[in-house]
C-alpha cells in the first residue's frame, strides 16, 4: 500500500493535466482516504505491469485458473468459484458503481479494457483500464459551455433524453 498522502493512481502521470478518470478517482479517494486504491482505477500505461493480468485473456492465460485451483484445494471448488467471482465483482463493479452513482460517469468495463492486479498473496487487489476515456452525461463538469469535452481525448458525451 502506498504511504498516506501519495496518490498511486496519478503518481505515474506523464503530463500534469489529469484525465477525467483521475479526477473522479481523486474525489472517490476521499470516501476512504487511508486506502486510496479502494475506489480508484489505475490507467495501465501509468503503472508497472508486474503482476497485472488482462481480463480478455482469461481463457488463454491461466492466472485466474491457478488462483481458482489454489483456493479450491483449501475451500473446495464451489467455494473457490464463489470467492473468485465475488472478488472480481468487487474489484470491477465495486469501482465503477460508485462513479456512476455519485458522479453519473463510467469507464469502459469491457474485458478488452480491463486488467486486474494480483498482490503477493496471489489475490486480486486492484483494477486498471487500458483506455481511460470516461462516458459522461451532457451536464458533466468535464463538458465546456460550448457542449464539447474539456478533455477531448478522455471523455465521450453520452446521449440523453433528459429535458
Protein backbone atom coordinates (compact mmCIF):
# COMPACT_ATOMS: atom_id res chain seq x y z
CA UNK A 1 0.00 0.00 0.00
CA UNK A 2 1.28 3.46 -0.85
CA UNK A 3 2.12 5.80 2.00
CA UNK A 4 -0.65 8.13 3.05
CA UNK A 5 -0.55 11.36 1.06
CA UNK A 6 0.92 9.76 -2.07
CA UNK A 7 -1.68 9.06 -4.72
CA UNK A 8 -0.78 5.80 -6.51
CA UNK A 9 -3.49 6.49 -9.08
CA UNK A 10 -1.82 9.60 -10.50
CA UNK A 11 1.82 9.23 -9.40
CA UNK A 12 2.89 7.86 -12.79
CA UNK A 13 1.20 10.52 -14.91
CA UNK A 14 3.41 11.87 -17.67
CA UNK A 15 1.56 15.12 -18.17
CA UNK A 16 0.31 17.41 -15.44
CA UNK A 17 -3.26 17.69 -16.79
CA UNK A 18 -5.28 15.00 -15.05
CA UNK A 19 -7.72 12.94 -17.05
CA UNK A 20 -11.40 12.90 -16.16
CA UNK A 21 -10.79 9.40 -14.76
CA UNK A 22 -8.03 10.71 -12.48
CA UNK A 23 -10.32 13.48 -11.26
CA UNK A 24 -13.12 11.04 -10.43
CA UNK A 25 -10.72 8.66 -8.66
CA UNK A 26 -9.32 11.54 -6.62
CA UNK A 27 -12.81 12.53 -5.45
CA UNK A 28 -13.71 8.92 -4.66
CA UNK A 29 -10.46 8.56 -2.74
CA UNK A 30 -11.91 10.98 -0.19
CA UNK A 31 -14.50 8.31 0.71
CA UNK A 32 -11.71 6.09 2.06
CA UNK A 33 -8.53 8.22 2.31
CA UNK A 34 -6.41 5.67 4.18
CA UNK A 35 -6.80 3.17 1.34
CA UNK A 36 -6.53 5.12 -1.94
CA UNK A 37 -6.96 2.05 -4.15
CA UNK A 38 -10.37 1.13 -2.73
CA UNK A 39 -12.37 3.03 -5.35
CA UNK A 40 -9.60 4.03 -7.70
CA UNK A 41 -8.84 2.62 -11.09
CA UNK A 42 -5.34 2.78 -12.48
CA UNK A 43 -4.50 3.71 -16.05
CA UNK A 44 -2.46 0.77 -17.30
CA UNK A 45 0.06 2.95 -19.15
CA UNK A 46 0.93 4.65 -15.86
CA UNK A 47 1.73 1.61 -13.72
CA UNK A 48 4.39 -1.06 -13.64
CA UNK A 49 2.88 -4.10 -15.41
CA UNK A 50 4.31 -6.57 -12.89
CA UNK A 51 1.57 -8.91 -11.56
CA UNK A 52 -1.11 -7.44 -13.85
CA UNK A 53 -3.29 -9.70 -15.99
CA UNK A 54 -5.57 -8.66 -18.88
CA UNK A 55 -9.16 -9.78 -18.37
CA UNK A 56 -9.65 -10.60 -22.05
CA UNK A 57 -7.00 -13.30 -21.72
CA UNK A 58 -8.73 -15.37 -19.04
CA UNK A 59 -9.07 -18.23 -21.48
CA UNK A 60 -5.50 -18.04 -22.81
CA UNK A 61 -3.50 -17.15 -19.67
CA UNK A 62 -4.05 -19.47 -16.74
CA UNK A 63 -3.58 -16.87 -13.99
CA UNK A 64 -7.21 -16.90 -12.85
CA UNK A 65 -7.27 -20.67 -13.25
CA UNK A 66 -4.31 -21.05 -10.93
CA UNK A 67 -5.94 -18.73 -8.36
CA UNK A 68 -9.08 -20.87 -8.60
CA UNK A 69 -7.08 -24.10 -8.18
CA UNK A 70 -5.17 -22.75 -5.14
CA UNK A 71 -8.41 -21.70 -3.46
CA UNK A 72 -10.18 -24.96 -4.38
CA UNK A 73 -7.52 -27.04 -2.63
CA UNK A 74 -8.35 -25.25 0.62
CA UNK A 75 -12.04 -24.42 0.29
CA UNK A 76 -13.46 -26.72 -2.38
CA UNK A 77 -14.39 -25.98 -5.99
CA UNK A 78 -17.81 -24.43 -5.33
CA UNK A 79 -16.44 -22.09 -2.67
CA UNK A 80 -13.45 -21.24 -4.87
CA UNK A 81 -15.79 -20.27 -7.70
CA UNK A 82 -17.87 -18.13 -5.37
CA UNK A 83 -14.80 -16.44 -3.88
CA UNK A 84 -13.21 -15.68 -7.25
CA UNK A 85 -16.47 -14.38 -8.73
CA UNK A 86 -17.04 -12.23 -5.65
CA UNK A 87 -13.51 -10.83 -5.81
CA UNK A 88 -13.82 -9.93 -9.49
CA UNK A 89 -17.23 -8.37 -8.88
CA UNK A 90 -15.83 -6.32 -6.02
CA UNK A 91 -12.76 -5.17 -7.95
CA UNK A 92 -14.68 -4.15 -11.08
CA UNK A 93 -18.27 -3.29 -10.12
CA UNK A 94 -17.16 -2.03 -6.71
CA UNK A 95 -15.10 0.57 -8.51
CA UNK A 96 -17.39 1.60 -11.36
CA UNK A 97 -20.69 1.74 -9.45
CA UNK A 98 -19.59 4.49 -7.03
CA UNK A 99 -18.53 6.62 -10.01
CA UNK A 100 -21.88 6.03 -11.72
CA UNK A 101 -23.93 6.65 -8.58
CA UNK A 102 -22.02 9.67 -7.26
CA UNK A 103 -20.94 11.38 -10.48
CA UNK A 104 -23.01 9.96 -13.32
CA UNK A 105 -19.82 8.84 -15.08
CA UNK A 106 -18.39 5.48 -16.06
CA UNK A 107 -15.29 3.97 -17.56
CA UNK A 108 -15.42 1.12 -20.06
CA UNK A 109 -15.85 -2.19 -18.22
CA UNK A 110 -15.35 -4.33 -21.32
CA UNK A 111 -12.96 -7.25 -20.90
CA UNK A 112 -10.62 -5.82 -23.55
CA UNK A 113 -10.21 -2.66 -21.45
CA UNK A 114 -9.75 -4.26 -18.02
CA UNK A 115 -6.67 -5.57 -16.28
CA UNK A 116 -6.50 -6.85 -12.69
CA UNK A 117 -3.54 -6.78 -10.32
CA UNK A 118 -2.50 -9.69 -8.13
CA UNK A 119 -0.89 -8.96 -4.78
CA UNK A 120 1.91 -11.01 -3.23
CA UNK A 121 -0.68 -13.49 -1.86
CA UNK A 122 -1.99 -14.07 -5.43
CA UNK A 123 -5.23 -12.26 -4.60
CA UNK A 124 -6.81 -9.64 -6.87
CA UNK A 125 -6.44 -6.23 -5.26
CA UNK A 126 -6.68 -3.55 -7.95
CA UNK A 127 -8.10 -2.84 -11.38
CA UNK A 128 -6.76 -0.86 -14.33
CA UNK A 129 -8.10 0.30 -17.66
CA UNK A 130 -6.23 0.43 -20.95
CA UNK A 131 -8.40 3.26 -22.28
CA UNK A 132 -9.17 5.89 -19.60
CA UNK A 133 -11.98 7.51 -21.59
CA UNK A 134 -14.92 8.36 -19.34
CA UNK A 135 -18.53 8.18 -20.51
CA UNK A 136 -20.34 11.26 -19.19
CA UNK A 137 -23.72 12.97 -19.46
CA UNK A 138 -24.05 16.34 -21.25
CA UNK A 139 -24.24 18.28 -17.95
CA UNK A 140 -20.99 16.78 -16.60
CA UNK A 141 -18.34 19.26 -15.35
CA UNK A 142 -15.93 17.82 -17.94
CA UNK A 143 -18.10 19.38 -20.64
CA UNK A 144 -17.48 23.01 -21.52
CA UNK A 145 -20.12 25.69 -22.10
CA UNK A 146 -19.89 25.00 -25.82
CA UNK A 147 -21.01 21.39 -25.22
CA UNK A 148 -17.60 19.99 -26.13
CA UNK A 149 -15.46 17.94 -23.73
CA UNK A 150 -12.72 19.80 -21.88
CA UNK A 151 -10.65 16.58 -22.05
CA UNK A 152 -11.15 15.86 -25.73
CA UNK A 153 -9.11 12.66 -25.60
CA UNK A 154 -10.61 11.30 -22.39
CA UNK A 155 -14.38 11.99 -22.42
CA UNK A 156 -17.27 10.74 -24.53
CA UNK A 157 -20.60 12.51 -24.04
CA UNK A 158 -23.48 10.06 -23.88
CA UNK A 159 -26.79 10.90 -25.48
CA UNK A 160 -29.59 11.61 -23.06
CA UNK A 161 -33.33 12.08 -23.26
CA UNK A 162 -33.41 14.43 -20.29
CA UNK A 163 -35.17 17.76 -20.95
